[in-house]
Amino acid sequence: MKIAFFNTKRYDRRFFDAANAQHGHDITYLDPRLEVNSAVIAAGHDAACLFVNDDGSAAVIEVLAEQGIKHLALRSAGFNHVDLKAAEQAVITVCRVPAYSPHGVAEHAIALMMTLNRMTHRAFNRVRESNFALEGLLGFEMHGRTAGVVGTGKIGAAAARILAGFGCRVLAYDVYENDELKALGVEYVTLDELFAQSEIITLHCPLMPETEHLINADTLAQMQDGVMLINTSRGKLIHTDSVIDALKTGRVGHLGLDVYEEEDELFFEDHSGDILQDDEFARLLTFPNVLITGHQAFFTRHALEEIASVTLTNLTQLERGKPCPNTLASW
């Protein structure tokens, strides 16, 4: 199969080349993100491979269909950036990598918590300047704290287990309860109860119409003063203006983000020589109790190996007409 890989980096090529030794696909690595203007580059290929910040809108799918694309292979678990109805109309099969790094993402969420709590990033910079003063670095013990986990799929479940290991009281909310977590002592509660009781809240739910801006002025008002809020899931789960207001009032005492609702034009690229145009993002960077990483929670060696292997296996199964369990839409 001839595959047009959009939005690729050196690490993508390294891991996909290694995985492709078992599949023998004809891969064309492309630097541009997939969008309307770049979609024409896919001409002459059977499939296009997309990442989380590529554009899979109806307009882009229409152009891809005109180029003869029959399959969209997402090298991600999330698929909110792809218009599945448009794919159906274009008779384009869509497949994804459903779970490639649950432990890695959960561990990164915990790393954000611990860094914000003990302020190791600030301490590191102080020590490099021979400043060994402890003033301003006071943290708290995780043991005995109440932590709320919103979404207990594979990532949320992994986070819940780590928090339970710290000795936290763990509350959880999900449409489907996990019996293994309940056996560990995790308490399933309503979302309102989780917001009201939790001192730490970590988001691990998918982005859907029902969860967009789940964290907003109203839900923030339900939370305790000084709450720690962590998001390693999808940026649009949090309404940025509302969380900035909550940071100013002290309702949010710590904010850890690996995702941002307008990240598409920022993340995965080097903008160090550019003038930052996003005023909300710039405002977040002014808070000393905000820690932001650039969508790197998934970024482990194991995850990249799994993404490459599953993505190419999906396409091999589709090429051979075999059932592909990771298919989102097949027409």
Protein backbone atom coordinates (compact mmCIF):
# COMPACT_ATOMS: atom_id res chain seq x y z
CA MET A 1 0.00 0.00 0.00
CA LYS A 2 1.22 3.51 -0.81
CA ILE A 3 0.86 5.69 2.28
CA ALA A 4 1.20 9.48 2.56
CA PHE A 5 2.39 10.26 6.09
CA PHE A 6 1.55 13.84 6.97
CA ASN A 7 3.09 15.94 9.72
CA THR A 8 6.05 13.63 10.36
CA LYS A 9 9.09 14.22 12.55
CA ARG A 10 12.41 12.42 12.67
CA TYR A 11 11.23 10.20 15.50
CA ASP A 12 8.17 9.14 13.45
CA ARG A 13 10.38 8.06 10.57
CA ARG A 14 12.73 6.15 12.84
CA PHE A 15 10.00 4.05 14.46
CA PHE A 16 7.83 3.60 11.36
CA ASP A 17 10.80 2.52 9.26
CA ALA A 18 11.64 -0.13 11.84
CA ALA A 19 8.04 -1.38 12.02
CA ASN A 20 7.60 -1.33 8.25
CA ALA A 21 10.30 -3.98 7.81
CA GLN A 22 7.56 -6.51 8.60
CA HIS A 23 4.94 -4.96 6.30
CA GLY A 24 6.68 -3.62 3.22
CA HIS A 25 4.42 -0.64 2.62
CA ASP A 26 5.54 2.20 0.36
CA ILE A 27 5.71 5.16 2.74
CA THR A 28 6.11 8.80 1.71
CA TYR A 29 7.02 10.97 4.69
CA LEU A 30 5.67 14.51 4.43
CA ASP A 31 6.57 17.49 6.63
CA PRO A 32 3.38 19.58 6.27
CA ARG A 33 0.36 19.15 8.49
CA LEU A 34 -2.69 17.82 6.72
CA GLU A 35 -5.05 20.65 5.80
CA VAL A 36 -7.03 21.70 2.75
CA ASN A 37 -4.04 23.21 0.94
CA SER A 38 -1.68 20.30 1.61
CA ALA A 39 -4.15 17.45 1.01
CA VAL A 40 -3.40 17.44 -2.72
CA ILE A 41 0.08 16.07 -1.94
CA ALA A 42 -1.62 12.73 -1.20
CA ALA A 43 -2.32 12.20 -4.90
CA GLY A 44 -1.18 8.77 -6.07
CA HIS A 45 -1.41 7.18 -2.61
CA ASP A 46 -3.88 4.64 -1.26
CA ALA A 47 -3.91 5.90 2.33
CA ALA A 48 -3.15 9.02 4.35
CA CYS A 49 -1.73 8.84 7.87
CA LEU A 50 -2.78 11.59 10.30
CA PHE A 51 -1.66 12.80 13.73
CA VAL A 52 -3.74 14.53 16.41
CA ASN A 53 -3.17 18.07 15.13
CA ASP A 54 -3.91 17.27 11.49
CA ASP A 55 -7.16 18.48 9.96
CA GLY A 56 -9.59 15.69 9.16
CA SER A 57 -12.54 17.96 8.45
CA ALA A 58 -15.10 17.40 5.71
CA ALA A 59 -13.33 19.86 3.40
CA VAL A 60 -10.03 18.01 3.74
CA ILE A 61 -11.64 14.59 3.30
CA GLU A 62 -13.28 15.80 0.10
CA VAL A 63 -9.86 16.76 -1.30
CA LEU A 64 -8.32 13.45 -0.16
CA ALA A 65 -11.10 11.53 -1.89
CA GLU A 66 -10.41 13.45 -5.08
CA GLN A 67 -6.79 12.28 -4.85
CA GLY A 68 -7.88 8.64 -4.65
CA ILE A 69 -7.37 8.09 -0.93
CA LYS A 70 -9.29 5.05 0.33
CA HIS A 71 -8.08 4.84 3.94
CA LEU A 72 -7.30 7.26 6.77
CA ALA A 73 -4.91 5.80 9.34
CA LEU A 74 -4.84 7.79 12.58
CA ARG A 75 -1.65 7.36 14.56
CA SER A 76 -3.52 8.39 17.69
CA ALA A 77 -6.30 7.17 19.94
CA GLY A 78 -8.40 10.31 19.69
CA PHE A 79 -10.44 10.91 16.55
CA ASN A 80 -12.35 14.10 17.32
CA HIS A 81 -10.33 15.84 14.55
CA VAL A 82 -11.85 13.60 11.86
CA ASP A 83 -15.32 14.03 10.35
CA LEU A 84 -16.54 10.42 10.25
CA LYS A 85 -19.74 11.33 8.40
CA ALA A 86 -17.69 12.94 5.66
CA ALA A 87 -15.52 9.82 5.52
CA GLU A 88 -18.65 7.72 5.08
CA GLN A 89 -19.85 9.87 2.21
CA ALA A 90 -16.41 9.63 0.59
CA VAL A 91 -16.25 5.85 1.17
CA ILE A 92 -12.99 6.24 3.10
CA THR A 93 -12.14 3.75 5.85
CA VAL A 94 -10.88 5.25 9.12
CA CYS A 95 -8.78 3.33 11.64
CA ARG A 96 -6.86 4.34 14.76
CA VAL A 97 -4.48 3.18 17.50
CA PRO A 98 -6.84 2.85 20.49
CA ALA A 99 -4.41 2.37 23.39
CA TYR A 100 -0.69 2.81 22.92
CA SER A 101 0.58 4.46 26.07
CA PRO A 102 -1.90 4.34 28.96
CA HIS A 103 0.79 4.02 31.61
CA GLY A 104 2.99 6.67 29.98
CA VAL A 105 0.17 9.24 29.89
CA ALA A 106 -0.90 8.43 33.45
CA GLU A 107 2.68 8.71 34.69
CA HIS A 108 3.04 12.09 32.98
CA ALA A 109 -0.12 13.31 34.72
CA ILE A 110 1.41 12.27 38.04
CA ALA A 111 4.68 13.97 37.09
CA LEU A 112 2.78 17.23 36.53
CA MET A 113 1.14 16.82 39.95
CA MET A 114 4.41 16.18 41.74
CA THR A 115 6.27 18.97 39.98
CA LEU A 116 3.55 21.51 40.76
CA ASN A 117 3.28 20.30 44.33
CA ARG A 118 6.99 20.24 45.24
CA MET A 119 7.98 22.91 42.69
CA THR A 120 11.01 20.97 41.53
CA HIS A 121 11.14 23.00 38.30
CA ARG A 122 11.60 26.20 40.30
CA ALA A 123 14.01 24.55 42.72
CA PHE A 124 16.14 23.32 39.81
CA ASN A 125 16.56 26.84 38.46
CA ARG A 126 17.33 28.24 41.91
CA VAL A 127 20.07 25.73 42.64
CA ARG A 128 21.69 26.41 39.26
CA GLU A 129 22.02 30.02 40.42
CA SER A 130 23.37 28.94 43.85
CA ASN A 131 20.12 29.95 45.53
CA PHE A 132 19.38 27.31 48.15
CA ALA A 133 16.60 29.17 49.97
CA LEU A 134 13.44 27.15 50.59
CA GLU A 135 11.05 30.09 50.85
CA GLY A 136 8.27 29.71 48.27
CA LEU A 137 8.83 25.98 47.74
CA LEU A 138 6.45 24.63 50.38
CA GLY A 139 4.49 21.62 49.14
CA PHE A 140 2.09 19.10 50.63
CA GLU A 141 2.03 15.35 51.11
CA MET A 142 0.03 13.38 48.57
CA HIS A 143 -0.72 10.76 51.19
CA GLY A 144 -4.18 11.29 52.62
CA ARG A 145 -5.30 13.75 49.95
CA THR A 146 -8.53 13.26 48.01
CA ALA A 147 -7.89 12.88 44.31
CA GLY A 148 -10.62 12.79 41.66
CA VAL A 149 -10.15 10.91 38.40
CA VAL A 150 -12.57 11.90 35.62
CA GLY A 151 -12.70 9.00 33.18
CA THR A 152 -11.46 5.55 34.15
CA GLY A 153 -10.58 4.01 30.81
CA LYS A 154 -7.10 2.52 30.50
CA ILE A 155 -5.30 5.82 31.20
CA GLY A 156 -7.59 6.95 34.00
CA ALA A 157 -7.44 3.52 35.61
CA ALA A 158 -3.63 3.61 35.54
CA ALA A 159 -3.66 7.07 37.13
CA ALA A 160 -6.10 5.90 39.81
CA ARG A 161 -3.84 2.97 40.71
CA ILE A 162 -0.82 5.26 41.08
CA LEU A 163 -2.77 7.70 43.24
CA ALA A 164 -4.02 4.83 45.40
CA GLY A 165 -0.40 3.75 45.78
CA PHE A 166 0.45 7.21 47.13
CA GLY A 167 -2.17 6.67 49.81
CA CYS A 168 -4.70 9.07 48.35
CA ARG A 169 -8.41 8.67 48.78
CA VAL A 170 -9.39 8.20 45.13
CA LEU A 171 -12.77 9.28 43.77
CA ALA A 172 -13.76 8.45 40.22
CA TYR A 173 -16.42 9.32 37.70
CA ASP A 174 -17.22 7.34 34.58
CA VAL A 175 -20.31 6.10 32.80
CA TYR A 176 -18.90 2.58 33.19
CA GLU A 177 -17.48 1.61 36.58
CA ASN A 178 -14.30 -0.46 36.84
CA ASP A 179 -14.72 -3.33 39.31
CA GLU A 180 -10.95 -3.79 39.65
CA LEU A 181 -10.57 -0.20 40.76
CA LYS A 182 -13.47 -0.54 43.18
CA ALA A 183 -11.70 -3.54 44.70
CA LEU A 184 -8.67 -1.27 45.29
CA GLY A 185 -10.87 1.14 47.23
CA VAL A 186 -11.63 3.64 44.48
CA GLU A 187 -15.02 5.26 45.11
CA TYR A 188 -17.29 6.02 42.17
CA VAL A 189 -19.28 9.20 42.75
CA THR A 190 -21.26 11.73 40.74
CA LEU A 191 -19.32 14.39 38.86
CA ASP A 192 -20.67 17.07 41.20
CA GLU A 193 -19.47 15.11 44.23
CA LEU A 194 -16.05 14.59 42.67
CA PHE A 195 -15.65 18.30 41.93
CA ALA A 196 -16.75 19.28 45.45
CA GLN A 197 -14.64 16.80 47.40
CA SER A 198 -11.41 16.50 45.44
CA GLU A 199 -8.24 18.43 46.28
CA ILE A 200 -6.65 17.12 43.08
CA ILE A 201 -8.60 16.54 39.84
CA THR A 202 -7.11 14.81 36.82
CA LEU A 203 -8.95 14.56 33.50
CA HIS A 204 -8.81 11.35 31.46
CA CYS A 205 -12.04 11.43 29.46
CA PRO A 206 -12.44 11.73 25.68
CA LEU A 207 -13.48 14.93 23.95
CA MET A 208 -17.10 14.69 22.83
CA PRO A 209 -19.91 17.23 22.56
CA GLU A 210 -20.93 16.24 26.09
CA THR A 211 -17.46 16.83 27.55
CA GLU A 212 -16.35 19.94 25.63
CA HIS A 213 -15.60 22.65 28.22
CA LEU A 214 -16.38 20.22 31.02
CA ILE A 215 -14.29 22.52 33.18
CA ASN A 216 -16.01 25.90 33.00
CA ALA A 217 -17.07 28.73 35.29
CA ASP A 218 -19.95 26.72 36.76
CA THR A 219 -18.00 23.53 37.45
CA LEU A 220 -15.01 25.48 38.78
CA ALA A 221 -17.38 27.17 41.24
CA GLN A 222 -18.16 23.72 42.70
CA MET A 223 -14.50 23.02 43.49
CA GLN A 224 -12.51 23.71 46.63
CA ASP A 225 -10.29 26.76 46.85
CA GLY A 226 -6.76 25.87 45.84
CA VAL A 227 -7.72 22.77 43.87
CA MET A 228 -5.03 21.20 41.67
CA LEU A 229 -6.28 20.59 38.13
CA ILE A 230 -4.45 18.34 35.66
CA ASN A 231 -5.31 17.74 32.00
CA THR A 232 -3.42 15.27 29.82
CA SER A 233 -6.45 14.32 27.71
CA ARG A 234 -7.82 16.92 25.29
CA GLY A 235 -7.42 20.69 25.47
CA LYS A 236 -11.06 21.56 24.88
CA LEU A 237 -12.12 19.82 28.07
CA ILE A 238 -11.13 23.09 29.78
CA HIS A 239 -12.54 26.53 29.01
CA THR A 240 -9.35 28.58 29.11
CA ASP A 241 -10.88 31.94 30.02
CA SER A 242 -12.70 30.39 32.96
CA VAL A 243 -9.62 28.64 34.33
CA ILE A 244 -7.61 31.87 34.04
CA ASP A 245 -10.25 33.63 36.13
CA ALA A 246 -10.10 30.77 38.66
CA LEU A 247 -6.30 31.07 38.85
CA LYS A 248 -6.63 34.79 39.57
CA THR A 249 -9.07 34.21 42.43
CA GLY A 250 -7.16 31.25 43.87
CA ARG A 251 -9.95 28.76 43.23
CA VAL A 252 -7.39 26.85 41.14
CA GLY A 253 -4.18 26.61 43.15
CA HIS A 254 -2.20 24.56 40.64
CA LEU A 255 -2.80 23.92 36.94
CA GLY A 256 -0.93 21.27 34.96
CA LEU A 257 -1.59 21.02 31.22
CA ASP A 258 -0.16 18.78 28.55
CA VAL A 259 -2.90 19.85 26.14
CA TYR A 260 -4.46 23.19 25.25
CA GLU A 261 -7.69 23.97 23.42
CA GLU A 262 -5.95 26.04 20.72
CA GLU A 263 -2.81 23.92 20.51
CA ASP A 264 -3.02 23.07 16.81
CA GLU A 265 -0.94 26.08 15.71
CA LEU A 266 1.49 25.81 18.63
CA PHE A 267 2.43 22.30 19.68
CA PHE A 268 4.92 19.94 18.01
CA GLU A 269 6.81 22.82 16.36
CA ASP A 270 9.69 25.11 17.39
CA HIS A 271 8.29 28.64 17.78
CA SER A 272 11.15 29.95 19.94
CA GLY A 273 11.97 32.63 17.38
CA ASP A 274 8.36 33.73 16.87
CA ILE A 275 6.18 36.32 18.58
CA LEU A 276 3.49 34.47 20.53
CA GLN A 277 0.13 35.44 19.05
CA ASP A 278 -2.15 33.52 21.43
CA ASP A 279 -3.02 35.94 24.24
CA GLU A 280 -4.69 33.31 26.43
CA PHE A 281 -1.72 30.97 26.24
CA ALA A 282 0.61 33.88 26.97
CA ARG A 283 -1.49 34.73 30.03
CA LEU A 284 -1.27 31.15 31.31
CA LEU A 285 2.52 31.35 31.11
CA THR A 286 2.54 34.30 33.53
CA PHE A 287 1.24 32.26 36.47
CA PRO A 288 3.91 30.70 38.72
CA ASN A 289 1.52 27.88 39.65
CA VAL A 290 0.89 26.78 36.05
CA LEU A 291 2.98 24.09 34.37
CA ILE A 292 2.53 23.36 30.66
CA THR A 293 4.12 20.69 28.51
CA GLY A 294 3.62 20.42 24.75
CA HIS A 295 1.46 17.30 24.34
CA GLN A 296 4.31 15.00 25.32
CA ALA A 297 2.52 12.70 27.77
CA PHE A 298 2.35 9.94 25.14
CA PHE A 299 5.99 10.40 24.14
CA THR A 300 7.76 7.26 25.30
CA ARG A 301 9.78 4.71 23.36
CA HIS A 302 7.19 2.04 24.06
CA ALA A 303 4.39 4.28 22.79
CA LEU A 304 6.11 5.14 19.52
CA GLU A 305 6.86 1.47 18.88
CA GLU A 306 3.23 0.58 19.55
CA ILE A 307 1.87 3.40 17.40
CA ALA A 308 4.02 2.38 14.45
CA SER A 309 3.25 -1.31 14.81
CA VAL A 310 -0.52 -0.95 15.20
CA THR A 311 -0.88 1.72 12.50
CA LEU A 312 0.89 -0.39 9.89
CA THR A 313 -0.88 -3.57 11.01
CA ASN A 314 -4.21 -1.79 10.57
CA LEU A 315 -3.31 -0.86 7.01
CA THR A 316 -1.99 -4.34 6.20
CA GLN A 317 -5.27 -5.86 7.40
CA LEU A 318 -7.28 -3.42 5.29
CA GLU A 319 -5.08 -4.06 2.25
CA ARG A 320 -5.60 -7.82 2.55
CA GLY A 321 -9.33 -7.51 3.19
CA LYS A 322 -9.05 -8.91 6.69
CA PRO A 323 -11.09 -7.65 9.69
CA CYS A 324 -9.44 -4.68 11.39
CA PRO A 325 -10.59 -4.35 15.00
CA ASN A 326 -9.33 -0.77 15.20
CA THR A 327 -11.59 0.47 12.41
CA LEU A 328 -13.79 3.44 13.34
CA ALA A 329 -15.62 3.57 10.04
CA SER A 330 -15.63 1.19 7.10
CA TRP A 331 -18.01 1.53 4.19
